[in-house]
Amino acid sequence: MSGKIFNFAPDMKKSTIWIIAVIMGLSFLALLFLQFSYVEEMVKMKKEQFDESVNHSLYQAAHNLEVNETLRYLEKDVNETERRAFRQDSVMVDGLGGTIKHSHQFAVAADDGTVYSSFQVKAFKMKPSSVPKAMILRKDKNSLADAAKSMQEIVRNRYVYQKALLDEVVYSILYTASDKPLNERINFRMLDNDIRNELANNGINIPYHFTVSTSDGREVYRCPDYSEEGEQYSYSQVLFRNDPQSKMGIVKIHFPEMSNYIFSSVRFMIPSIIFTIVLLITFIFTIVVIFRQKRYSEIKNDFINNMTHELKTPIASISLAAQMMNDDSVPKTPQMTRHLGTVISDESKRLRFLVEKVLQMSMFDKKSVVFKKKELDLNEMVEQIAQTFSLRVEHTGGKIYTEIEAVDSAIYVDEVHFQNAITNLMDNAVKYRKQDEPLNIYIRTWNDHDRLCLSIRDTGQGIKRENLRKIFDKFYRVHTGNKHDVKGFGLGLAYVKKVVDLHQGDIKAESELGKGTKFTISLPVLRDEN
């Protein structure tokens, strides 16, 4: 047994353990702080990148909306202008040189007859006398067709688009487009597609909801699957920003899954943080276990010292009695022999009691104890124990007071163990009394609903508050300095609590230093148990 007790090395000072614990604890906390700071910085950067991408996507979608509107007006005006364009061909013959000149003139006229633009080109000139007749006719025919085709393309690409049409389209957009309501100017499906495509181009592929409203806040469109989730983080962009203030529109967009998208970039850090926290908890638990084992080691050392001191007295008495019986110089009268036999018997009983007390706790730890329960009356047991201790208490000048108030006093317990538990409480009251002062013990039984209660209160030394929560620990004894006037191993109250717990009961202690201690036991009332 001694090997197990002393194998744990309690030589390390508490201050050294505390220094190591503080350094390791601060290191873990600093690591956690750095990890959280890194995660926070990454989230911040991801949010800024997300904001920039969304704002850029909305700006581009708004720009595409204006470009599409301009294209619609261009297509409309091009078609109308082409219907109003005309062509005029002419042939001139130079009489002196015999040269034939072909010319083609194209123009675009407005509804009032005003010609916006015209273009004239000389197709070719040649001398008929220098070319065979058949070739003249063929070349003339092909040249006219090619010239006409080229002139049509030139007019359409250069004059119709660059001069005649653009001016008219610009004026049309400025004076007519902005007068239309937003729901007629905007193709919402196309706007939705533009927003989705621009977001995808910027690496954002999460669901979004959007609305379109006027500059004064009147909503003109809301997407079909719109929800308010994530609406507190919304983005907006002005539509038709060059229009008058009252004609502008505003598109607002928000992302219900924005938080998941942003935190997805730091999910790889979560296992690292979890492992660090687990390590920190494990470290704290290890430190607690170290201090607890150190305290248990100190308690066990005290137990060994107390046990040695307790066992030394009966062994010494038995040894002395044996020596006297073997000493021929000591007269062996019947009275002397009877006295030595009594001493040996009493000290043997005391030695056996101490050993059994240790063995009982060992049995409880191994869970090998077997209770022999039977129905008993708590009131009768209390009165019997009080009568047993009356002489010891009256010897101090005090008295035992009993208040038997329990009506349902039947309990189903192991008689030996439960009686030993109450006896231990009474014995502690006598052992820890105030020296040279009378001791009074108050025993009370009562019923509390379906519980049967027993309290034992004394007027002894009392226990300090910081020691009160440890008194049920095995081997623990309240420190009394170098005084050894109170004998024991620190097993009595641990044994009491174990017995009460195994009988489905509760025990609590109340104490005030210098005034006394009160123990209260609560047990289930026996109803119809056999």
Protein backbone atom coordinates (compact mmCIF):
# COMPACT_ATOMS: atom_id res chain seq x y z
CA MET A 1 0.00 0.00 0.00
CA SER A 2 2.82 2.38 0.79
CA GLY A 3 4.31 1.92 -2.69
CA LYS A 4 1.10 3.14 -4.34
CA ILE A 5 0.86 6.06 -2.03
CA PHE A 6 4.37 7.37 -2.47
CA ASN A 7 4.85 6.66 -6.21
CA PHE A 8 3.25 9.99 -7.08
CA ALA A 9 6.08 12.49 -6.78
CA PRO A 10 4.79 15.43 -4.77
CA ASP A 11 8.28 16.91 -4.61
CA MET A 12 7.56 19.50 -7.26
CA LYS A 13 6.63 22.75 -5.59
CA LYS A 14 3.22 24.26 -6.14
CA SER A 15 4.84 27.49 -7.31
CA THR A 16 6.68 25.61 -10.08
CA ILE A 17 3.47 23.93 -11.21
CA TRP A 18 1.68 27.28 -11.19
CA ILE A 19 4.44 28.93 -13.26
CA ILE A 20 4.30 26.14 -15.86
CA ALA A 21 0.49 26.25 -15.88
CA VAL A 22 0.40 30.03 -16.34
CA ILE A 23 2.99 29.97 -19.16
CA MET A 24 1.20 27.17 -21.02
CA GLY A 25 -2.20 28.73 -20.42
CA LEU A 26 -1.06 32.12 -21.74
CA SER A 27 0.51 30.41 -24.76
CA PHE A 28 -2.75 28.64 -25.60
CA LEU A 29 -4.73 31.84 -25.12
CA ALA A 30 -2.30 33.79 -27.32
CA LEU A 31 -2.60 31.10 -30.01
CA LEU A 32 -6.38 31.26 -29.85
CA PHE A 33 -6.25 35.06 -30.03
CA LEU A 34 -4.05 34.95 -33.13
CA GLN A 35 -6.33 32.41 -34.79
CA PHE A 36 -9.45 34.45 -34.08
CA SER A 37 -7.68 37.62 -35.27
CA TYR A 38 -6.67 35.86 -38.48
CA VAL A 39 -10.24 34.64 -39.04
CA GLU A 40 -11.62 38.11 -38.34
CA GLU A 41 -9.16 39.68 -40.81
CA MET A 42 -10.00 37.12 -43.49
CA VAL A 43 -13.72 37.69 -43.01
CA LYS A 44 -13.18 41.44 -43.28
CA MET A 45 -11.17 41.08 -46.49
CA LYS A 46 -13.73 38.68 -47.96
CA LYS A 47 -16.53 41.12 -47.11
CA GLU A 48 -14.71 44.01 -48.77
CA GLN A 49 -14.04 41.89 -51.85
CA PHE A 50 -17.68 40.80 -51.90
CA ASP A 51 -18.89 44.41 -51.62
CA GLU A 52 -16.62 45.55 -54.43
CA SER A 53 -17.69 42.68 -56.70
CA VAL A 54 -21.39 43.29 -56.09
CA ASN A 55 -21.13 47.05 -56.64
CA HIS A 56 -19.14 46.53 -59.84
CA SER A 57 -21.67 43.96 -61.06
CA LEU A 58 -24.60 46.30 -60.38
CA TYR A 59 -22.83 49.19 -62.11
CA GLN A 60 -22.17 47.06 -65.18
CA ALA A 61 -25.76 45.76 -65.21
CA ALA A 62 -27.06 49.36 -65.03
CA HIS A 63 -24.72 50.33 -67.88
CA ASN A 64 -25.93 47.39 -69.97
CA LEU A 65 -29.51 48.51 -69.32
CA GLU A 66 -28.79 51.96 -70.80
CA VAL A 67 -26.85 50.47 -73.72
CA ASN A 68 -29.72 48.11 -74.53
CA GLU A 69 -32.15 51.01 -74.47
CA THR A 70 -29.92 52.96 -76.86
CA LEU A 71 -29.63 49.96 -79.17
CA ARG A 72 -33.41 49.60 -79.28
CA TYR A 73 -33.76 53.22 -80.41
CA LEU A 74 -30.95 52.81 -82.96
CA GLU A 75 -32.56 49.75 -84.51
CA LYS A 76 -35.89 51.49 -84.67
CA ASP A 77 -34.51 54.61 -86.33
CA VAL A 78 -32.26 52.66 -88.72
CA ASN A 79 -35.24 50.78 -90.04
CA GLU A 80 -37.25 53.95 -90.46
CA THR A 81 -34.38 55.79 -92.12
CA GLU A 82 -33.68 53.00 -94.55
CA ARG A 83 -37.27 53.23 -95.69
CA ARG A 84 -36.80 56.93 -96.38
CA ALA A 85 -33.45 56.59 -98.24
CA PHE A 86 -33.40 56.98 -102.05
CA ARG A 87 -30.92 56.50 -104.89
CA GLN A 88 -30.42 58.44 -108.16
CA ASP A 89 -28.27 57.22 -111.05
CA SER A 90 -26.98 59.32 -113.98
CA VAL A 91 -24.92 58.75 -117.13
CA MET A 92 -22.85 61.47 -118.82
CA VAL A 93 -21.07 61.25 -122.17
CA ASP A 94 -18.09 63.43 -122.98
CA GLY A 95 -18.50 64.34 -126.61
CA LEU A 96 -14.89 65.29 -127.21
CA GLY A 97 -13.17 62.22 -125.88
CA GLY A 98 -15.94 59.79 -126.34
CA THR A 99 -15.87 58.97 -122.62
CA ILE A 100 -18.93 57.61 -120.77
CA LYS A 101 -19.32 58.55 -117.02
CA HIS A 102 -21.70 56.76 -114.64
CA SER A 103 -22.61 58.39 -111.29
CA HIS A 104 -24.77 57.18 -108.34
CA GLN A 105 -26.25 59.54 -105.74
CA PHE A 106 -27.74 58.38 -102.37
CA ALA A 107 -29.60 60.57 -99.84
CA VAL A 108 -31.71 60.40 -96.69
CA ALA A 109 -34.68 62.70 -96.42
CA ALA A 110 -36.82 63.60 -93.42
CA ASP A 111 -40.61 63.62 -93.35
CA ASP A 112 -40.64 67.33 -94.21
CA GLY A 113 -38.44 66.78 -97.27
CA THR A 114 -35.20 67.99 -95.77
CA VAL A 115 -32.23 66.01 -97.07
CA TYR A 116 -29.91 65.09 -94.19
CA SER A 117 -27.07 63.63 -96.23
CA SER A 118 -26.11 62.67 -99.73
CA PHE A 119 -23.23 60.89 -101.37
CA GLN A 120 -22.18 60.84 -105.01
CA VAL A 121 -19.54 58.63 -106.56
CA LYS A 122 -18.27 58.21 -110.08
CA ALA A 123 -18.49 54.60 -110.92
CA PHE A 124 -16.23 54.39 -113.98
CA LYS A 125 -15.36 56.10 -117.24
CA MET A 126 -14.19 54.55 -120.42
CA LYS A 127 -13.89 55.05 -124.20
CA PRO A 128 -16.24 52.82 -126.13
CA SER A 129 -14.04 52.91 -129.25
CA SER A 130 -11.20 51.11 -127.50
CA VAL A 131 -13.32 48.19 -126.25
CA PRO A 132 -15.24 45.61 -128.20
CA LYS A 133 -18.95 46.13 -128.20
CA ALA A 134 -19.70 42.89 -126.42
CA MET A 135 -17.22 43.70 -123.68
CA ILE A 136 -18.55 47.21 -123.33
CA LEU A 137 -22.03 45.98 -122.70
CA ARG A 138 -20.86 43.28 -120.28
CA LYS A 139 -18.48 45.51 -118.32
CA ASP A 140 -20.99 48.27 -118.17
CA LYS A 141 -23.58 45.97 -116.73
CA ASN A 142 -21.26 44.40 -114.11
CA SER A 143 -19.77 47.70 -113.11
CA LEU A 144 -23.15 49.21 -112.49
CA ALA A 145 -24.23 46.30 -110.28
CA ASP A 146 -21.00 46.31 -108.26
CA ALA A 147 -21.07 50.04 -107.82
CA ALA A 148 -24.66 49.99 -106.65
CA LYS A 149 -23.92 47.30 -104.07
CA SER A 150 -20.85 49.10 -102.74
CA MET A 151 -22.67 52.36 -102.49
CA GLN A 152 -25.48 50.81 -100.49
CA GLU A 153 -22.99 49.48 -97.90
CA ILE A 154 -21.09 52.73 -97.71
CA VAL A 155 -24.19 54.79 -97.22
CA ARG A 156 -25.56 52.49 -94.53
CA ASN A 157 -22.31 52.22 -92.60
CA ARG A 158 -20.99 55.76 -92.86
CA TYR A 159 -23.80 58.22 -93.33
CA VAL A 160 -26.88 56.51 -92.02
CA TYR A 161 -25.17 55.42 -88.75
CA GLN A 162 -22.73 58.27 -88.28
CA LYS A 163 -24.66 61.35 -89.19
CA ALA A 164 -28.25 61.04 -90.20
CA LEU A 165 -29.28 58.45 -87.58
CA LEU A 166 -27.18 59.19 -84.53
CA ASP A 167 -28.31 62.77 -84.14
CA GLU A 168 -31.93 61.80 -84.45
CA VAL A 169 -31.57 58.86 -82.01
CA VAL A 170 -29.81 60.98 -79.41
CA TYR A 171 -32.52 63.63 -79.51
CA SER A 172 -35.18 60.94 -79.38
CA ILE A 173 -33.64 59.35 -76.27
CA LEU A 174 -33.21 62.67 -74.52
CA TYR A 175 -36.71 63.96 -75.17
CA THR A 176 -38.87 60.84 -75.28
CA ALA A 177 -37.22 57.91 -73.47
CA SER A 178 -37.02 59.54 -70.01
CA ASP A 179 -40.68 60.45 -70.17
CA LYS A 180 -41.70 56.81 -70.08
CA PRO A 181 -42.29 55.07 -66.70
CA LEU A 182 -39.61 52.70 -65.43
CA ASN A 183 -41.68 49.56 -65.92
CA GLU A 184 -41.84 50.41 -69.67
CA ARG A 185 -38.19 51.35 -70.00
CA ILE A 186 -36.81 48.30 -68.16
CA ASN A 187 -36.99 44.70 -69.24
CA PHE A 188 -36.84 43.14 -65.76
CA ARG A 189 -36.06 39.66 -67.02
CA MET A 190 -33.14 41.02 -69.02
CA LEU A 191 -32.01 43.05 -66.00
CA ASP A 192 -32.13 39.87 -63.86
CA ASN A 193 -30.04 38.00 -66.43
CA ASP A 194 -27.52 40.84 -66.62
CA ILE A 195 -27.15 40.93 -62.83
CA ARG A 196 -26.74 37.16 -62.64
CA ASN A 197 -24.15 37.11 -65.45
CA GLU A 198 -22.16 40.00 -64.02
CA LEU A 199 -22.14 38.43 -60.54
CA ALA A 200 -20.97 35.14 -62.05
CA ASN A 201 -18.20 36.95 -63.93
CA ASN A 202 -17.04 38.32 -60.57
CA GLY A 203 -17.08 34.89 -58.90
CA ILE A 204 -20.39 35.22 -56.99
CA ASN A 205 -22.76 32.31 -57.58
CA ILE A 206 -25.19 32.51 -54.66
CA PRO A 207 -28.92 33.29 -54.72
CA TYR A 208 -29.99 36.92 -54.57
CA HIS A 209 -33.22 38.92 -54.40
CA PHE A 210 -33.73 42.36 -55.94
CA THR A 211 -36.25 45.16 -56.27
CA VAL A 212 -36.53 48.18 -58.57
CA SER A 213 -37.96 51.44 -57.29
CA THR A 214 -38.19 55.07 -58.28
CA SER A 215 -35.94 57.75 -56.82
CA ASP A 216 -38.66 58.72 -54.34
CA GLY A 217 -38.93 55.13 -53.01
CA ARG A 218 -41.96 53.77 -54.88
CA GLU A 219 -41.39 50.13 -55.68
CA VAL A 220 -42.13 49.16 -59.31
CA TYR A 221 -40.82 45.59 -59.33
CA ARG A 222 -39.93 42.79 -56.91
CA CYS A 223 -38.50 39.42 -57.91
CA PRO A 224 -40.97 36.52 -57.53
CA ASP A 225 -39.03 34.60 -54.83
CA TYR A 226 -38.25 37.69 -52.76
CA SER A 227 -37.64 37.22 -49.01
CA GLU A 228 -36.46 39.62 -46.32
CA GLU A 229 -33.72 37.32 -45.01
CA GLY A 230 -30.39 39.16 -45.17
CA GLU A 231 -32.10 42.41 -46.14
CA GLN A 232 -30.06 44.35 -43.57
CA TYR A 233 -27.02 43.90 -45.84
CA SER A 234 -28.34 45.31 -49.14
CA TYR A 235 -26.64 46.97 -52.11
CA SER A 236 -28.13 49.60 -54.44
CA GLN A 237 -27.31 51.13 -57.82
CA VAL A 238 -28.83 54.09 -59.68
CA LEU A 239 -30.43 53.35 -63.04
CA PHE A 240 -30.33 55.96 -65.82
CA ARG A 241 -27.95 58.10 -63.82
CA ASN A 242 -27.82 60.84 -66.52
CA ASP A 243 -31.57 61.35 -66.52
CA PRO A 244 -33.25 64.04 -64.42
CA GLN A 245 -33.42 63.19 -60.72
CA SER A 246 -37.12 62.43 -60.80
CA LYS A 247 -36.71 60.03 -63.74
CA MET A 248 -33.93 57.90 -62.24
CA GLY A 249 -34.47 54.40 -60.92
CA ILE A 250 -32.81 52.43 -58.12
CA VAL A 251 -32.14 48.69 -58.07
CA LYS A 252 -31.59 47.11 -54.64
CA ILE A 253 -30.15 43.64 -54.15
CA HIS A 254 -29.45 41.46 -51.12
CA PHE A 255 -28.12 37.94 -50.57
CA PRO A 256 -29.87 35.61 -48.05
CA GLU A 257 -26.79 33.34 -47.94
CA MET A 258 -24.16 36.06 -47.83
CA SER A 259 -22.91 35.10 -44.35
CA ASN A 260 -22.37 31.47 -45.39
CA TYR A 261 -20.56 32.64 -48.53
CA ILE A 262 -18.22 34.92 -46.57
CA PHE A 263 -17.51 32.44 -43.78
CA SER A 264 -16.94 29.63 -46.29
CA SER A 265 -13.50 31.11 -46.92
CA VAL A 266 -12.47 30.57 -43.28
CA ARG A 267 -14.06 27.18 -42.64
CA PHE A 268 -10.68 25.51 -42.96
CA MET A 269 -9.66 27.36 -39.77
CA ILE A 270 -12.51 25.90 -37.70
CA PRO A 271 -10.83 22.48 -37.11
CA SER A 272 -7.63 24.25 -36.05
CA ILE A 273 -9.53 26.40 -33.54
CA ILE A 274 -11.46 23.40 -32.25
CA PHE A 275 -8.26 21.39 -31.75
CA THR A 276 -6.66 24.33 -29.95
CA ILE A 277 -9.67 24.66 -27.64
CA VAL A 278 -9.62 20.90 -27.00
CA LEU A 279 -5.93 21.10 -26.17
CA LEU A 280 -6.57 24.05 -23.85
CA ILE A 281 -9.39 22.20 -22.07
CA THR A 282 -7.22 19.08 -21.83
CA PHE A 283 -4.38 21.13 -20.43
CA ILE A 284 -6.64 22.77 -17.84
CA PHE A 285 -8.04 19.36 -16.91
CA THR A 286 -4.50 17.99 -16.60
CA ILE A 287 -3.47 20.83 -14.32
CA VAL A 288 -6.58 20.32 -12.18
CA VAL A 289 -5.81 16.59 -11.97
CA ILE A 290 -2.21 17.32 -11.01
CA PHE A 291 -3.25 19.62 -8.19
CA ARG A 292 -5.94 17.17 -7.11
CA GLN A 293 -3.50 14.27 -7.09
CA LYS A 294 -0.99 16.39 -5.22
CA ARG A 295 -3.65 17.22 -2.65
CA TYR A 296 -4.67 13.55 -2.45
CA SER A 297 -1.02 12.62 -2.00
CA GLU A 298 -0.72 15.08 0.87
CA ILE A 299 -3.94 13.75 2.37
CA LYS A 300 -2.72 10.17 2.03
CA ASN A 301 0.54 11.12 3.69
CA ASP A 302 -1.47 12.59 6.55
CA PHE A 303 -3.50 9.40 6.58
CA ILE A 304 -0.34 7.29 6.85
CA ASN A 305 0.91 9.47 9.70
CA ASN A 306 -2.44 9.31 11.50
CA MET A 307 -2.78 5.58 10.89
CA THR A 308 0.75 4.99 12.21
CA HIS A 309 -0.02 7.08 15.25
CA GLU A 310 -3.37 5.33 15.79
CA LEU A 311 -1.97 1.81 15.37
CA LYS A 312 1.10 2.49 17.47
CA THR A 313 -0.90 2.92 20.69
CA PRO A 314 -2.74 -0.45 20.75
CA ILE A 315 0.34 -2.28 19.45
CA ALA A 316 2.44 -0.72 22.18
CA SER A 317 -0.16 -1.62 24.82
CA ILE A 318 -0.38 -5.23 23.62
CA SER A 319 3.41 -5.48 23.44
CA LEU A 320 3.80 -4.10 26.95
CA ALA A 321 1.20 -6.51 28.34
CA ALA A 322 2.94 -9.44 26.62
CA GLN A 323 6.30 -8.40 28.07
CA MET A 324 4.83 -8.18 31.56
CA MET A 325 3.35 -11.66 31.21
CA ASN A 326 6.72 -13.05 30.09
CA ASP A 327 8.68 -11.18 32.76
CA ASP A 328 9.38 -13.53 35.68
CA SER A 329 10.04 -10.60 38.00
CA VAL A 330 6.42 -9.47 37.71
CA PRO A 331 4.16 -11.39 40.13
CA LYS A 332 1.47 -13.35 38.23
CA THR A 333 -1.45 -12.83 40.58
CA PRO A 334 -4.93 -13.61 39.28
CA GLN A 335 -5.79 -9.94 39.44
CA MET A 336 -2.70 -8.97 37.41
CA THR A 337 -3.33 -11.71 34.87
CA ARG A 338 -6.95 -10.65 34.50
CA HIS A 339 -5.88 -7.00 34.07
CA LEU A 340 -3.29 -7.83 31.39
CA GLY A 341 -5.82 -10.04 29.58
CA THR A 342 -8.35 -7.20 29.59
CA VAL A 343 -5.76 -4.77 28.21
CA ILE A 344 -4.81 -7.18 25.41
CA SER A 345 -8.48 -7.85 24.58
CA ASP A 346 -9.48 -4.17 24.54
CA GLU A 347 -6.49 -3.07 22.47
CA SER A 348 -7.02 -5.97 20.08
CA LYS A 349 -10.64 -4.87 19.58
CA ARG A 350 -9.46 -1.32 19.02
CA LEU A 351 -6.87 -2.50 16.51
CA ARG A 352 -9.44 -4.64 14.72
CA PHE A 353 -11.88 -1.71 14.59
CA LEU A 354 -9.26 0.54 12.95
CA VAL A 355 -8.37 -2.09 10.37
CA GLU A 356 -12.03 -2.81 9.60
CA LYS A 357 -12.66 0.90 9.09
CA VAL A 358 -10.01 1.01 6.37
CA LEU A 359 -11.28 -2.24 4.83
CA GLN A 360 -14.86 -0.91 4.72
CA MET A 361 -13.83 2.06 2.57
CA SER A 362 -11.80 -0.28 0.37
CA MET A 363 -14.91 -2.41 -0.14
CA PHE A 364 -16.95 0.65 -1.09
CA ASP A 365 -14.30 1.72 -3.62
CA LYS A 366 -14.36 -1.72 -5.23
CA LYS A 367 -18.17 -1.77 -5.10
CA SER A 368 -18.04 -5.20 -3.54
CA VAL A 369 -20.13 -4.35 -0.48
CA VAL A 370 -23.51 -6.08 -0.20
CA PHE A 371 -26.27 -4.46 1.83
CA LYS A 372 -28.67 -6.55 3.85
CA LYS A 373 -31.60 -4.19 3.94
CA LYS A 374 -34.61 -4.57 6.14
CA GLU A 375 -37.38 -2.42 7.49
CA LEU A 376 -36.40 -0.37 10.55
CA ASP A 377 -37.81 2.48 12.60
CA LEU A 378 -35.60 5.56 12.47
CA ASN A 379 -37.06 7.02 15.66
CA GLU A 380 -36.18 3.91 17.65
CA MET A 381 -32.67 3.78 16.16
CA VAL A 382 -32.04 7.43 17.07
CA GLU A 383 -33.24 6.99 20.65
CA GLN A 384 -31.06 3.91 21.06
CA ILE A 385 -27.93 5.67 19.74
CA ALA A 386 -28.65 8.74 21.88
CA GLN A 387 -28.86 6.56 24.96
CA THR A 388 -25.52 4.91 24.06
CA PHE A 389 -23.74 8.27 23.82
CA SER A 390 -25.48 9.89 26.79
CA LEU A 391 -22.75 8.96 29.28
CA ARG A 392 -19.93 10.33 27.09
CA VAL A 393 -21.80 13.59 26.51
CA GLU A 394 -22.84 13.99 30.14
CA HIS A 395 -19.19 13.44 31.10
CA THR A 396 -18.44 16.78 29.38
CA GLY A 397 -21.17 18.51 31.39
CA GLY A 398 -23.60 18.63 28.47
CA LYS A 399 -26.68 16.74 27.41
CA ILE A 400 -28.34 15.10 24.39
CA TYR A 401 -31.70 16.56 23.38
CA THR A 402 -33.99 14.55 21.10
CA GLU A 403 -36.99 15.86 19.13
CA ILE A 404 -38.87 12.93 17.65
CA GLU A 405 -41.35 14.56 15.25
CA ALA A 406 -41.40 12.07 12.37
CA VAL A 407 -44.75 10.35 11.94
CA ASP A 408 -43.75 8.07 9.02
CA SER A 409 -40.43 6.84 10.43
CA ALA A 410 -40.05 3.49 8.63
CA ILE A 411 -36.90 3.13 6.52
CA TYR A 412 -35.50 0.32 4.41
CA VAL A 413 -31.75 0.21 5.15
CA ASP A 414 -28.83 -1.99 6.15
CA GLU A 415 -28.94 -1.90 9.93
CA VAL A 416 -25.20 -2.27 10.56
CA HIS A 417 -23.95 0.26 8.04
CA PHE A 418 -26.65 2.86 8.62
CA GLN A 419 -26.28 2.63 12.38
CA ASN A 420 -22.51 3.00 11.95
CA ALA A 421 -23.08 6.13 9.86
CA ILE A 422 -25.15 7.81 12.61
CA THR A 423 -22.67 6.62 15.22
CA ASN A 424 -19.81 8.24 13.28
CA LEU A 425 -21.66 11.58 13.28
CA MET A 426 -22.23 11.34 17.02
CA ASP A 427 -18.61 10.27 17.59
CA ASN A 428 -17.34 13.27 15.59
CA ALA A 429 -19.50 15.59 17.70
CA VAL A 430 -17.88 14.23 20.86
CA LYS A 431 -14.32 14.21 19.46
CA TYR A 432 -14.46 17.77 18.06
CA ARG A 433 -16.01 19.40 21.09
CA LYS A 434 -14.62 22.49 22.74
CA GLN A 435 -12.15 21.62 25.43
CA ASP A 436 -13.23 22.40 29.01
CA GLU A 437 -16.76 23.34 27.82
CA PRO A 438 -19.97 21.32 28.03
CA LEU A 439 -21.17 19.71 24.80
CA ASN A 440 -24.83 19.71 23.84
CA ILE A 441 -26.15 17.57 20.97
CA TYR A 442 -29.60 18.10 19.42
CA ILE A 443 -31.12 15.22 17.46
CA ARG A 444 -34.33 15.74 15.49
CA THR A 445 -36.45 13.64 13.13
CA TRP A 446 -39.30 14.93 10.93
CA ASN A 447 -41.17 14.32 7.70
CA ASP A 448 -40.81 16.59 4.68
CA HIS A 449 -43.36 15.51 2.05
CA ASP A 450 -42.15 12.08 0.88
CA ARG A 451 -38.79 12.35 2.67
CA LEU A 452 -37.74 11.34 6.17
CA CYS A 453 -35.20 13.73 7.67
CA LEU A 454 -32.70 13.40 10.51
CA SER A 455 -30.50 16.21 11.85
CA ILE A 456 -27.66 16.05 14.39
CA ARG A 457 -26.48 19.43 15.69
CA ASP A 458 -23.71 20.02 18.22
CA THR A 459 -22.19 22.98 20.03
CA GLY A 460 -18.61 22.00 19.30
CA GLN A 461 -15.71 23.69 17.59
CA GLY A 462 -17.34 24.13 14.18
CA ILE A 463 -15.67 24.04 10.77
CA LYS A 464 -14.31 26.84 8.60
CA ARG A 465 -16.28 27.59 5.46
CA GLU A 466 -13.35 26.78 3.14
CA ASN A 467 -12.99 23.36 4.80
CA LEU A 468 -16.70 22.54 4.88
CA ARG A 469 -16.94 21.48 1.22
CA LYS A 470 -14.06 18.99 1.64
CA ILE A 471 -15.13 17.15 4.78
CA PHE A 472 -16.77 14.31 2.81
CA ASP A 473 -13.57 13.64 0.84
CA LYS A 474 -11.77 10.44 1.65
CA PHE A 475 -8.72 10.84 3.93
CA TYR A 476 -9.47 14.53 4.43
CA ARG A 477 -9.13 15.90 7.96
CA VAL A 478 -9.42 19.51 9.06
CA HIS A 479 -5.91 20.71 9.83
CA THR A 480 -5.24 21.27 13.52
CA GLY A 481 -1.55 22.15 13.27
CA ASN A 482 0.72 19.91 15.30
CA LYS A 483 -2.03 18.88 17.73
CA HIS A 484 -2.87 15.17 17.73
CA ASP A 485 -5.49 15.18 20.44
CA VAL A 486 -8.16 14.03 18.00
CA LYS A 487 -7.59 10.58 16.57
CA GLY A 488 -8.82 9.37 13.20
CA PHE A 489 -8.00 8.55 9.58
CA GLY A 490 -10.27 11.02 7.80
CA LEU A 491 -12.55 8.18 6.69
CA GLY A 492 -15.54 8.66 8.97
CA LEU A 493 -17.51 11.29 7.03
CA ALA A 494 -16.53 9.75 3.68
CA TYR A 495 -18.00 6.49 4.95
CA VAL A 496 -21.16 8.27 6.15
CA LYS A 497 -21.74 9.95 2.76
CA LYS A 498 -21.13 6.69 0.91
CA VAL A 499 -23.66 4.85 3.04
CA VAL A 500 -26.28 7.60 2.68
CA ASP A 501 -25.76 7.82 -1.10
CA LEU A 502 -26.12 4.06 -1.51
CA HIS A 503 -29.46 4.29 0.33
CA GLN A 504 -30.72 6.92 -2.17
CA GLY A 505 -30.39 9.61 0.47
CA ASP A 506 -28.81 13.05 0.73
CA ILE A 507 -26.56 14.54 3.38
CA LYS A 508 -25.46 18.13 3.84
CA ALA A 509 -23.42 19.94 6.44
CA GLU A 510 -23.79 23.40 7.94
CA SER A 511 -21.24 24.85 10.32
CA GLU A 512 -19.99 28.03 11.85
CA LEU A 513 -16.56 28.19 13.41
CA GLY A 514 -16.77 28.41 17.19
CA LYS A 515 -20.53 27.70 17.32
CA GLY A 516 -20.98 24.13 16.14
CA THR A 517 -21.93 21.91 13.22
CA LYS A 518 -25.20 20.49 11.90
CA PHE A 519 -25.57 17.43 9.67
CA THR A 520 -28.90 16.76 7.92
CA ILE A 521 -29.75 13.39 6.35
CA SER A 522 -32.73 12.99 4.03
CA LEU A 523 -34.06 9.51 3.13
CA PRO A 524 -37.02 8.27 1.10
CA VAL A 525 -39.95 7.22 3.28
CA LEU A 526 -40.73 3.51 3.17
CA ARG A 527 -44.18 2.97 1.70
CA ASP A 528 -44.98 -0.61 0.77
CA GLU A 529 -41.53 -2.09 0.18
CA ASN A 530 -40.79 -5.61 1.27
